[in-house]
């Protein structure tokens, strides 16, 4: 009996370890290493724009846009859970971007809005109401545990709400 419980516990630990990382990997929109965001950005995906109007499309090479964004306030690296290499995080005023590695090149993976100094192109920001969010985006594709998700091709735009007020906004590549 003890051996069976130990084996079962080992299987549970193994399964928990495997689901800790999302195995679904984004597909790169292009295999041409010379492509720039301007040539790969699509109007058929959710794209964050900075207050200065710089678009940050997801799933595209990050180097040119990171250079255009300038020096981040803070950076960090973590071993990638789903890719070979390191995920990188760059914090700017009001938002943070993350990249994932693929064959030595970094691609945009997420953009997270951190405060009300920035907003989505449709005008939703931290502090907006559920009604304002739904006016801008319509009914969410899914809503669970006060997280509303809108999907467009390979992008997901998620809004976390508390008491019907937006508290977090995240753009994510490869989960739509």
Protein backbone atom coordinates (compact mmCIF):
# COMPACT_ATOMS: atom_id res chain seq x y z
CA UNK A 1 0.00 0.00 0.00
CA UNK A 2 2.82 2.42 0.90
CA UNK A 3 4.58 1.67 -2.40
CA UNK A 4 1.38 2.37 -4.32
CA UNK A 5 0.86 5.70 -2.53
CA UNK A 6 4.50 6.65 -3.09
CA UNK A 7 4.21 5.82 -6.79
CA UNK A 8 0.97 7.77 -7.05
CA UNK A 9 2.55 10.76 -5.29
CA UNK A 10 5.50 10.62 -7.70
CA UNK A 11 3.14 10.63 -10.69
CA UNK A 12 1.23 13.61 -9.29
CA UNK A 13 4.48 15.55 -8.73
CA UNK A 14 5.61 14.72 -12.27
CA UNK A 15 2.30 15.88 -13.75
CA UNK A 16 2.41 19.13 -11.75
CA UNK A 17 5.95 19.74 -12.99
CA UNK A 18 4.88 19.20 -16.60
CA UNK A 19 1.95 21.61 -16.40
CA UNK A 20 4.00 24.33 -14.72
CA UNK A 21 5.11 25.42 -18.17
CA UNK A 22 2.62 26.02 -20.94
CA UNK A 23 3.74 23.58 -23.65
CA UNK A 24 2.00 25.49 -26.44
CA UNK A 25 4.71 27.47 -28.16
CA UNK A 26 3.95 30.45 -30.34
CA UNK A 27 4.70 30.04 -33.98
CA UNK A 28 6.91 32.70 -35.49
CA UNK A 29 5.07 34.76 -38.09
CA UNK A 30 8.06 34.61 -40.38
CA UNK A 31 11.27 32.71 -40.89
CA UNK A 32 12.98 35.58 -42.68
CA UNK A 33 15.55 37.00 -40.24
CA UNK A 34 15.51 40.34 -42.06
CA UNK A 35 11.81 40.98 -41.42
CA UNK A 36 11.09 44.00 -39.30
CA UNK A 37 7.99 44.78 -37.26
CA UNK A 38 6.82 47.09 -40.02
CA UNK A 39 6.77 44.23 -42.51
CA UNK A 40 5.26 41.58 -40.23
CA UNK A 41 2.71 43.52 -38.16
CA UNK A 42 -0.87 42.65 -38.94
CA UNK A 43 -4.12 44.50 -38.38
CA UNK A 44 -5.65 41.10 -37.60
CA UNK A 45 -4.05 40.85 -34.14
CA UNK A 46 -4.23 42.80 -30.89
CA UNK A 47 -1.36 45.28 -30.79
CA UNK A 48 -0.41 47.66 -27.99
CA UNK A 49 0.64 51.21 -28.90
CA UNK A 50 2.69 53.39 -26.59
CA UNK A 51 1.59 56.93 -25.71
CA UNK A 52 4.02 58.06 -28.42
CA UNK A 53 2.24 55.86 -30.99
CA UNK A 54 4.88 53.14 -31.29
CA UNK A 55 3.16 49.83 -32.08
CA UNK A 56 4.38 46.68 -30.32
CA UNK A 57 2.99 43.77 -32.34
CA UNK A 58 3.45 40.37 -30.74
CA UNK A 59 5.32 37.49 -32.32
CA UNK A 60 7.72 39.74 -34.25
CA UNK A 61 11.44 40.34 -33.80
CA UNK A 62 11.98 42.56 -30.81
CA UNK A 63 15.32 44.22 -31.56
CA UNK A 64 14.17 47.21 -33.64
CA UNK A 65 11.21 48.07 -31.41
CA UNK A 66 13.26 47.68 -28.22
CA UNK A 67 15.79 50.11 -29.68
CA UNK A 68 12.98 52.55 -30.54
CA UNK A 69 11.56 52.27 -27.00
CA UNK A 70 14.87 53.41 -25.53
CA UNK A 71 16.42 52.44 -22.23
CA UNK A 72 14.03 50.50 -20.01
CA UNK A 73 13.51 51.44 -16.37
CA UNK A 74 14.27 47.86 -15.36
CA UNK A 75 15.20 44.57 -17.03
CA UNK A 76 15.30 40.98 -15.89
CA UNK A 77 15.95 37.56 -17.40
CA UNK A 78 14.54 34.18 -16.45
CA UNK A 79 15.19 30.72 -17.83
CA UNK A 80 12.51 30.10 -20.43
CA UNK A 81 9.89 27.62 -19.39
CA UNK A 82 8.75 26.85 -22.94
CA UNK A 83 11.75 27.74 -25.12
CA UNK A 84 15.48 27.14 -25.20
CA UNK A 85 17.24 30.14 -23.67
CA UNK A 86 16.05 33.04 -21.55
CA UNK A 87 12.84 35.02 -21.50
CA UNK A 88 13.60 38.73 -21.09
CA UNK A 89 11.45 41.39 -19.45
CA UNK A 90 11.72 45.15 -20.05
CA UNK A 91 9.84 47.61 -17.84
CA UNK A 92 8.90 51.04 -19.17
CA UNK A 93 6.69 53.78 -17.74
CA UNK A 94 3.25 52.18 -17.39
CA UNK A 95 3.96 48.86 -19.15
CA UNK A 96 6.27 45.87 -19.40
CA UNK A 97 7.15 43.77 -22.45
CA UNK A 98 8.54 40.25 -22.51
CA UNK A 99 10.38 38.38 -25.23
CA UNK A 100 11.01 34.72 -25.93
CA UNK A 101 14.09 33.29 -27.67
CA UNK A 102 14.04 31.36 -30.92
CA UNK A 103 17.28 30.37 -32.66
CA UNK A 104 19.19 33.29 -31.15
CA UNK A 105 16.55 35.92 -31.91
CA UNK A 106 14.12 37.45 -29.41
CA UNK A 107 10.45 37.85 -30.32
CA UNK A 108 7.75 39.78 -28.46
CA UNK A 109 5.62 37.49 -26.31
CA UNK A 110 3.61 39.70 -23.91
CA UNK A 111 2.83 43.31 -23.11
CA UNK A 112 1.41 44.02 -19.64
CA UNK A 113 -0.08 47.39 -18.79
CA UNK A 114 0.86 48.33 -15.23
CA UNK A 115 -0.97 51.56 -14.45
CA UNK A 116 -3.46 54.10 -15.82
CA UNK A 117 -0.82 56.17 -17.61
CA UNK A 118 -1.21 53.95 -20.70
CA UNK A 119 -4.23 52.50 -22.47
CA UNK A 120 -5.21 50.15 -25.24
CA UNK A 121 -5.73 51.68 -28.70
CA UNK A 122 -9.47 51.35 -27.99
CA UNK A 123 -9.13 53.56 -24.88
CA UNK A 124 -9.35 50.98 -22.07
CA UNK A 125 -6.92 51.43 -19.17
CA UNK A 126 -6.36 50.27 -15.62
CA UNK A 127 -9.34 51.75 -13.76
CA UNK A 128 -11.79 51.46 -16.65
CA UNK A 129 -15.10 49.78 -15.83
CA UNK A 130 -16.47 46.50 -17.15
CA UNK A 131 -19.05 48.50 -19.11
CA UNK A 132 -16.33 50.64 -20.74
CA UNK A 133 -14.33 47.52 -21.62
CA UNK A 134 -17.37 45.83 -23.16
CA UNK A 135 -18.28 49.00 -25.08
CA UNK A 136 -14.77 49.02 -26.58
CA UNK A 137 -14.42 45.26 -27.23
CA UNK A 138 -17.86 43.66 -27.03
CA UNK A 139 -18.52 40.39 -25.25
CA UNK A 140 -15.39 38.49 -24.26
CA UNK A 141 -14.57 35.14 -25.89
CA UNK A 142 -14.19 33.79 -22.36
CA UNK A 143 -14.74 35.12 -18.86
CA UNK A 144 -13.60 33.14 -15.86
CA UNK A 145 -12.62 34.24 -12.36
CA UNK A 146 -13.01 37.91 -13.34
CA UNK A 147 -10.54 37.54 -16.24
CA UNK A 148 -12.04 38.46 -19.61
CA UNK A 149 -10.23 37.24 -22.73
CA UNK A 150 -10.55 38.50 -26.28
CA UNK A 151 -8.85 36.49 -29.03
CA UNK A 152 -7.75 37.57 -32.46
CA UNK A 153 -5.66 35.17 -34.55
CA UNK A 154 -2.57 34.30 -32.50
CA UNK A 155 -3.09 37.00 -29.86
CA UNK A 156 -5.10 37.18 -26.67
CA UNK A 157 -6.00 40.40 -24.90
CA UNK A 158 -6.88 39.73 -21.24
CA UNK A 159 -8.48 42.05 -18.71
CA UNK A 160 -8.45 41.17 -15.01
CA UNK A 161 -11.20 42.93 -13.06
CA UNK A 162 -11.95 43.46 -9.38
CA UNK A 163 -15.41 44.76 -8.47
CA UNK A 164 -16.07 45.42 -12.20
CA UNK A 165 -12.99 47.65 -12.51
CA UNK A 166 -10.00 46.76 -14.75
CA UNK A 167 -6.92 46.03 -12.61
CA UNK A 168 -4.62 44.43 -15.20
CA UNK A 169 -4.36 44.31 -18.99
CA UNK A 170 -2.17 41.78 -20.80
CA UNK A 171 -1.51 41.14 -24.49
CA UNK A 172 -0.18 37.63 -25.18
CA UNK A 173 1.14 35.92 -28.31
CA UNK A 174 0.46 32.35 -29.32
CA UNK A 175 -2.54 31.54 -27.15
CA UNK A 176 -5.35 32.75 -29.38
